[in-house]
Amino acid sequence: AYDGSRYRELREKSWLNLWDSMDP
């Protein structure tokens, strides 16, 4: 659980590292 104001910054790095095939 986390502060929603941090969501976009956190997901950008996380998703690209976790899902190699993800289109930025």
PDB file of all heavy atoms in Angstrom:
ATOM      1  N   ALA A   1       0.847  -1.192   0.000  1.00  0.00           N
ATOM      2  CA  ALA A   1       0.000   0.000   0.000  1.00  0.00           C
ATOM      3  C   ALA A   1       0.886   1.247   0.000  1.00  0.00           C
ATOM      4  O   ALA A   1       1.929   1.262   0.646  1.00  0.00           O
ATOM      5  CB  ALA A   1      -0.903  -0.006   1.231  1.00  0.00           C
ATOM      6  N   TYR A   2       0.440   2.289  -0.712  1.00  0.00           N
ATOM      7  CA  TYR A   2       1.273   3.489  -0.850  1.00  0.00           C
ATOM      8  C   TYR A   2       0.416   4.700  -1.197  1.00  0.00           C
ATOM      9  O   TYR A   2      -0.737   4.583  -1.610  1.00  0.00           O
ATOM     10  CB  TYR A   2       2.344   3.279  -1.929  1.00  0.00           C
ATOM     11  CG  TYR A   2       1.804   2.644  -3.183  1.00  0.00           C
ATOM     12  CD1 TYR A   2       1.196   3.412  -4.174  1.00  0.00           C
ATOM     13  CD2 TYR A   2       1.858   1.269  -3.358  1.00  0.00           C
ATOM     14  CE1 TYR A   2       0.669   2.818  -5.310  1.00  0.00           C
ATOM     15  CE2 TYR A   2       1.337   0.670  -4.487  1.00  0.00           C
ATOM     16  CZ  TYR A   2       0.748   1.448  -5.459  1.00  0.00           C
ATOM     17  OH  TYR A   2       0.217   0.866  -6.579  1.00  0.00           O
ATOM     18  N   ASP A   3       1.017   5.865  -1.053  1.00  0.00           N
ATOM     19  CA  ASP A   3       0.386   7.132  -1.375  1.00  0.00           C
ATOM     20  C   ASP A   3       0.170   7.207  -2.888  1.00  0.00           C
ATOM     21  O   ASP A   3       1.117   7.081  -3.661  1.00  0.00           O
ATOM     22  CB  ASP A   3       1.298   8.267  -0.894  1.00  0.00           C
ATOM     23  CG  ASP A   3       0.709   9.644  -1.058  1.00  0.00           C
ATOM     24  OD1 ASP A   3      -0.178   9.851  -1.917  1.00  0.00           O
ATOM     25  OD2 ASP A   3       1.154  10.552  -0.322  1.00  0.00           O
ATOM     26  N   GLY A   4      -1.066   7.409  -3.300  1.00  0.00           N
ATOM     27  CA  GLY A   4      -1.404   7.460  -4.720  1.00  0.00           C
ATOM     28  C   GLY A   4      -0.680   8.534  -5.498  1.00  0.00           C
ATOM     29  O   GLY A   4      -0.511   8.418  -6.718  1.00  0.00           O
ATOM     30  N   SER A   5      -0.212   9.580  -4.830  1.00  0.00           N
ATOM     31  CA  SER A   5       0.514  10.640  -5.532  1.00  0.00           C
ATOM     32  C   SER A   5       1.851  10.132  -6.089  1.00  0.00           C
ATOM     33  O   SER A   5       2.426  10.751  -6.968  1.00  0.00           O
ATOM     34  CB  SER A   5       0.749  11.843  -4.611  1.00  0.00           C
ATOM     35  OG  SER A   5       1.628  11.507  -3.563  1.00  0.00           O
ATOM     36  N   ARG A   6       2.321   8.995  -5.610  1.00  0.00           N
ATOM     37  CA  ARG A   6       3.587   8.418  -6.079  1.00  0.00           C
ATOM     38  C   ARG A   6       3.390   7.359  -7.160  1.00  0.00           C
ATOM     39  O   ARG A   6       4.346   6.822  -7.698  1.00  0.00           O
ATOM     40  CB  ARG A   6       4.318   7.789  -4.885  1.00  0.00           C
ATOM     41  CG  ARG A   6       4.645   8.790  -3.791  1.00  0.00           C
ATOM     42  CD  ARG A   6       5.346   8.149  -2.602  1.00  0.00           C
ATOM     43  NE  ARG A   6       6.548   7.480  -3.042  1.00  0.00           N
ATOM     44  CZ  ARG A   6       6.875   6.222  -2.682  1.00  0.00           C
ATOM     45  NH1 ARG A   6       6.103   5.542  -1.871  1.00  0.00           N
ATOM     46  NH2 ARG A   6       7.986   5.673  -3.124  1.00  0.00           N
ATOM     47  N   TYR A   7       2.148   7.048  -7.466  1.00  0.00           N
ATOM     48  CA  TYR A   7       1.836   5.918  -8.329  1.00  0.00           C
ATOM     49  C   TYR A   7       2.538   5.963  -9.690  1.00  0.00           C
ATOM     50  O   TYR A   7       3.197   5.006 -10.086  1.00  0.00           O
ATOM     51  CB  TYR A   7       0.322   5.803  -8.518  1.00  0.00           C
ATOM     52  CG  TYR A   7      -0.083   4.730  -9.486  1.00  0.00           C
ATOM     53  CD1 TYR A   7      -0.015   3.397  -9.127  1.00  0.00           C
ATOM     54  CD2 TYR A   7      -0.515   5.043 -10.772  1.00  0.00           C
ATOM     55  CE1 TYR A   7      -0.375   2.402 -10.003  1.00  0.00           C
ATOM     56  CE2 TYR A   7      -0.885   4.050 -11.660  1.00  0.00           C
ATOM     57  CZ  TYR A   7      -0.816   2.731 -11.273  1.00  0.00           C
ATOM     58  OH  TYR A   7      -1.158   1.745 -12.157  1.00  0.00           O
ATOM     59  N   ARG A   8       2.375   7.046 -10.426  1.00  0.00           N
ATOM     60  CA  ARG A   8       2.930   7.099 -11.791  1.00  0.00           C
ATOM     61  C   ARG A   8       4.442   6.927 -11.801  1.00  0.00           C
ATOM     62  O   ARG A   8       4.975   6.200 -12.621  1.00  0.00           O
ATOM     63  CB  ARG A   8       2.504   8.369 -12.493  1.00  0.00           C
ATOM     64  CG  ARG A   8       1.037   8.346 -12.873  1.00  0.00           C
ATOM     65  CD  ARG A   8       0.708   9.417 -13.900  1.00  0.00           C
ATOM     66  NE  ARG A   8      -0.701   9.464 -14.168  1.00  0.00           N
ATOM     67  CZ  ARG A   8      -1.321   8.729 -15.088  1.00  0.00           C
ATOM     68  NH1 ARG A   8      -0.645   7.868 -15.800  1.00  0.00           N
ATOM     69  NH2 ARG A   8      -2.616   8.844 -15.278  1.00  0.00           N
ATOM     70  N   GLU A   9       5.136   7.584 -10.892  1.00  0.00           N
ATOM     71  CA  GLU A   9       6.599   7.466 -10.853  1.00  0.00           C
ATOM     72  C   GLU A   9       7.009   6.036 -10.500  1.00  0.00           C
ATOM     73  O   GLU A   9       7.949   5.489 -11.063  1.00  0.00           O
ATOM     74  CB  GLU A   9       7.213   8.461  -9.864  1.00  0.00           C
ATOM     75  CG  GLU A   9       7.303   7.925  -8.455  1.00  0.00           C
ATOM     76  CD  GLU A   9       7.877   8.845  -7.422  1.00  0.00           C
ATOM     77  OE1 GLU A   9       7.325   9.932  -7.224  1.00  0.00           O
ATOM     78  OE2 GLU A   9       8.862   8.452  -6.776  1.00  0.00           O
ATOM     79  N   LEU A  10       6.301   5.419  -9.561  1.00  0.00           N
ATOM     80  CA  LEU A  10       6.643   4.064  -9.138  1.00  0.00           C
ATOM     81  C   LEU A  10       6.359   3.034 -10.222  1.00  0.00           C
ATOM     82  O   LEU A  10       7.154   2.124 -10.455  1.00  0.00           O
ATOM     83  CB  LEU A  10       5.874   3.695  -7.866  1.00  0.00           C
ATOM     84  CG  LEU A  10       6.246   4.429  -6.589  1.00  0.00           C
ATOM     85  CD1 LEU A  10       5.254   4.094  -5.484  1.00  0.00           C
ATOM     86  CD2 LEU A  10       7.663   4.087  -6.161  1.00  0.00           C
ATOM     87  N   ARG A  11       5.208   3.158 -10.882  1.00  0.00           N
ATOM     88  CA  ARG A  11       4.841   2.132 -11.860  1.00  0.00           C
ATOM     89  C   ARG A  11       5.721   2.163 -13.097  1.00  0.00           C
ATOM     90  O   ARG A  11       5.984   1.126 -13.688  1.00  0.00           O
ATOM     91  CB  ARG A  11       3.371   2.233 -12.233  1.00  0.00           C
ATOM     92  CG  ARG A  11       3.051   3.201 -13.334  1.00  0.00           C
ATOM     93  CD  ARG A  11       1.626   3.081 -13.793  1.00  0.00           C
ATOM     94  NE  ARG A  11       1.387   4.013 -14.882  1.00  0.00           N
ATOM     95  CZ  ARG A  11       0.240   4.168 -15.466  1.00  0.00           C
ATOM     96  NH1 ARG A  11      -0.810   3.466 -15.083  1.00  0.00           N
ATOM     97  NH2 ARG A  11       0.105   5.031 -16.447  1.00  0.00           N
ATOM     98  N   GLU A  12       6.185   3.347 -13.500  1.00  0.00           N
ATOM     99  CA  GLU A  12       6.967   3.436 -14.737  1.00  0.00           C
ATOM    100  C   GLU A  12       8.199   2.533 -14.680  1.00  0.00           C
ATOM    101  O   GLU A  12       8.420   1.703 -15.546  1.00  0.00           O
ATOM    102  CB  GLU A  12       7.377   4.884 -14.994  1.00  0.00           C
ATOM    103  CG  GLU A  12       8.019   5.051 -16.352  1.00  0.00           C
ATOM    104  CD  GLU A  12       8.130   6.503 -16.753  1.00  0.00           C
ATOM    105  OE1 GLU A  12       7.213   7.294 -16.469  1.00  0.00           O
ATOM    106  OE2 GLU A  12       9.161   6.827 -17.362  1.00  0.00           O
ATOM    107  N   LYS A  13       8.963   2.680 -13.633  1.00  0.00           N
ATOM    108  CA  LYS A  13      10.171   1.858 -13.496  1.00  0.00           C
ATOM    109  C   LYS A  13       9.804   0.390 -13.255  1.00  0.00           C
ATOM    110  O   LYS A  13      10.360  -0.507 -13.860  1.00  0.00           O
ATOM    111  CB  LYS A  13      11.018   2.374 -12.345  1.00  0.00           C
ATOM    112  CG  LYS A  13      12.241   1.521 -12.124  1.00  0.00           C
ATOM    113  CD  LYS A  13      13.051   1.948 -10.938  1.00  0.00           C
ATOM    114  CE  LYS A  13      14.250   1.044 -10.835  1.00  0.00           C
ATOM    115  NZ  LYS A  13      14.652   0.776  -9.496  1.00  0.00           N
ATOM    116  N   SER A  14       8.859   0.167 -12.382  1.00  0.00           N
ATOM    117  CA  SER A  14       8.517  -1.194 -11.976  1.00  0.00           C
ATOM    118  C   SER A  14       7.995  -2.014 -13.134  1.00  0.00           C
ATOM    119  O   SER A  14       8.438  -3.142 -13.359  1.00  0.00           O
ATOM    120  CB  SER A  14       7.469  -1.160 -10.865  1.00  0.00           C
ATOM    121  OG  SER A  14       7.920  -0.391  -9.788  1.00  0.00           O
ATOM    122  N   TRP A  15       7.025  -1.477 -13.864  1.00  0.00           N
ATOM    123  CA  TRP A  15       6.402  -2.253 -14.931  1.00  0.00           C
ATOM    124  C   TRP A  15       7.393  -2.583 -16.041  1.00  0.00           C
ATOM    125  O   TRP A  15       7.395  -3.698 -16.553  1.00  0.00           O
ATOM    126  CB  TRP A  15       5.213  -1.509 -15.504  1.00  0.00           C
ATOM    127  CG  TRP A  15       4.016  -1.507 -14.618  1.00  0.00           C
ATOM    128  CD1 TRP A  15       3.911  -1.986 -13.344  1.00  0.00           C
ATOM    129  CD2 TRP A  15       2.740  -0.995 -14.948  1.00  0.00           C
ATOM    130  NE1 TRP A  15       2.636  -1.791 -12.863  1.00  0.00           N
ATOM    131  CE2 TRP A  15       1.910  -1.190 -13.830  1.00  0.00           C
ATOM    132  CE3 TRP A  15       2.218  -0.384 -16.083  1.00  0.00           C
ATOM    133  CZ2 TRP A  15       0.576  -0.799 -13.818  1.00  0.00           C
ATOM    134  CZ3 TRP A  15       0.898   0.011 -16.063  1.00  0.00           C
ATOM    135  CH2 TRP A  15       0.088  -0.199 -14.941  1.00  0.00           C
ATOM    136  N   LEU A  16       8.233  -1.631 -16.414  1.00  0.00           N
ATOM    137  CA  LEU A  16       9.189  -1.898 -17.488  1.00  0.00           C
ATOM    138  C   LEU A  16      10.219  -2.942 -17.067  1.00  0.00           C
ATOM    139  O   LEU A  16      10.686  -3.728 -17.888  1.00  0.00           O
ATOM    140  CB  LEU A  16       9.866  -0.604 -17.939  1.00  0.00           C
ATOM    141  CG  LEU A  16       8.933   0.400 -18.614  1.00  0.00           C
ATOM    142  CD1 LEU A  16       9.667   1.703 -18.897  1.00  0.00           C
ATOM    143  CD2 LEU A  16       8.317  -0.161 -19.886  1.00  0.00           C
ATOM    144  N   ASN A  17      10.555  -2.986 -15.777  1.00  0.00           N
ATOM    145  CA  ASN A  17      11.503  -3.993 -15.292  1.00  0.00           C
ATOM    146  C   ASN A  17      10.857  -5.363 -15.119  1.00  0.00           C
ATOM    147  O   ASN A  17      11.511  -6.384 -15.295  1.00  0.00           O
ATOM    148  CB  ASN A  17      12.105  -3.560 -13.955  1.00  0.00           C
ATOM    149  CG  ASN A  17      13.125  -2.462 -14.108  1.00  0.00           C
ATOM    150  OD1 ASN A  17      13.636  -2.215 -15.195  1.00  0.00           O
ATOM    151  ND2 ASN A  17      13.409  -1.773 -13.022  1.00  0.00           N
ATOM    152  N   LEU A  18       9.582  -5.402 -14.771  1.00  0.00           N
ATOM    153  CA  LEU A  18       8.916  -6.677 -14.505  1.00  0.00           C
ATOM    154  C   LEU A  18       8.347  -7.340 -15.753  1.00  0.00           C
ATOM    155  O   LEU A  18       8.282  -8.560 -15.829  1.00  0.00           O
ATOM    156  CB  LEU A  18       7.804  -6.485 -13.467  1.00  0.00           C
ATOM    157  CG  LEU A  18       8.295  -6.214 -12.056  1.00  0.00           C
ATOM    158  CD1 LEU A  18       7.140  -5.787 -11.160  1.00  0.00           C
ATOM    159  CD2 LEU A  18       8.978  -7.452 -11.490  1.00  0.00           C
ATOM    160  N   TRP A  19       7.919  -6.545 -16.699  1.00  0.00           N
ATOM    161  CA  TRP A  19       7.323  -7.096 -17.917  1.00  0.00           C
ATOM    162  C   TRP A  19       8.137  -6.645 -19.103  1.00  0.00           C
ATOM    163  O   TRP A  19       7.918  -5.562 -19.660  1.00  0.00           O
ATOM    164  CB  TRP A  19       5.854  -6.675 -18.025  1.00  0.00           C
ATOM    165  CG  TRP A  19       5.027  -7.350 -16.993  1.00  0.00           C
ATOM    166  CD1 TRP A  19       4.528  -8.618 -17.054  1.00  0.00           C
ATOM    167  CD2 TRP A  19       4.638  -6.838 -15.717  1.00  0.00           C
ATOM    168  NE1 TRP A  19       3.854  -8.919 -15.881  1.00  0.00           N
ATOM    169  CE2 TRP A  19       3.901  -7.851 -15.052  1.00  0.00           C
ATOM    170  CE3 TRP A  19       4.828  -5.624 -15.046  1.00  0.00           C
ATOM    171  CZ2 TRP A  19       3.367  -7.685 -13.774  1.00  0.00           C
ATOM    172  CZ3 TRP A  19       4.304  -5.466 -13.776  1.00  0.00           C
ATOM    173  CH2 TRP A  19       3.583  -6.487 -13.159  1.00  0.00           C
ATOM    174  N   ASP A  20       9.115  -7.486 -19.497  1.00  0.00           N
ATOM    175  CA  ASP A  20      10.050  -7.146 -20.573  1.00  0.00           C
ATOM    176  C   ASP A  20       9.347  -6.770 -21.868  1.00  0.00           C
ATOM    177  O   ASP A  20       9.838  -5.944 -22.623  1.00  0.00           O
ATOM    178  CB  ASP A  20      10.989  -8.345 -20.851  1.00  0.00           C
ATOM    179  CG  ASP A  20      11.767  -8.750 -19.613  1.00  0.00           C
ATOM    180  OD1 ASP A  20      12.087  -7.877 -18.799  1.00  0.00           O
ATOM    181  OD2 ASP A  20      12.040  -9.953 -19.469  1.00  0.00           O
ATOM    182  N   SER A  21       8.218  -7.385 -22.134  1.00  0.00           N
ATOM    183  CA  SER A  21       7.539  -7.157 -23.410  1.00  0.00           C
ATOM    184  C   SER A  21       6.621  -5.929 -23.381  1.00  0.00           C
ATOM    185  O   SER A  21       5.973  -5.624 -24.376  1.00  0.00           O
ATOM    186  CB  SER A  21       6.713  -8.393 -23.785  1.00  0.00           C
ATOM    187  OG  SER A  21       5.727  -8.623 -22.799  1.00  0.00           O
ATOM    188  N   MET A  22       6.572  -5.214 -22.262  1.00  0.00           N
ATOM    189  CA  MET A  22       5.668  -4.069 -22.158  1.00  0.00           C
ATOM    190  C   MET A  22       6.153  -2.922 -23.030  1.00  0.00           C
ATOM    191  O   MET A  22       7.311  -2.534 -22.990  1.00  0.00           O
ATOM    192  CB  MET A  22       5.536  -3.594 -20.721  1.00  0.00           C
ATOM    193  CG  MET A  22       4.598  -2.397 -20.600  1.00  0.00           C
ATOM    194  SD  MET A  22       4.179  -2.015 -18.930  1.00  0.00           S
ATOM    195  CE  MET A  22       2.945  -3.246 -18.624  1.00  0.00           C
ATOM    196  N   ASP A  23       5.247  -2.386 -23.791  1.00  0.00           N
ATOM    197  CA  ASP A  23       5.516  -1.225 -24.620  1.00  0.00           C
ATOM    198  C   ASP A  23       5.475   0.011 -23.722  1.00  0.00           C
ATOM    199  O   ASP A  23       4.468   0.251 -23.044  1.00  0.00           O
ATOM    200  CB  ASP A  23       4.437  -1.131 -25.704  1.00  0.00           C
ATOM    201  CG  ASP A  23       4.590   0.073 -26.602  1.00  0.00           C
ATOM    202  OD1 ASP A  23       5.511   0.885 -26.386  1.00  0.00           O
ATOM    203  OD2 ASP A  23       3.781   0.198 -27.535  1.00  0.00           O
ATOM    204  N   PRO A  24       6.543   0.815 -23.691  1.00  0.00           N
ATOM    205  CA  PRO A  24       6.540   2.018 -22.847  1.00  0.00           C
ATOM    206  C   PRO A  24       5.359   2.952 -23.131  1.00  0.00           C
ATOM    207  O   PRO A  24       4.911   3.674 -22.250  1.00  0.00           O
ATOM    208  CB  PRO A  24       7.873   2.693 -23.178  1.00  0.00           C
ATOM    209  CG  PRO A  24       8.743   1.597 -23.688  1.00  0.00           C
ATOM    210  CD  PRO A  24       7.814   0.622 -24.368  1.00  0.00           C
TER     211      PRO A  24
END
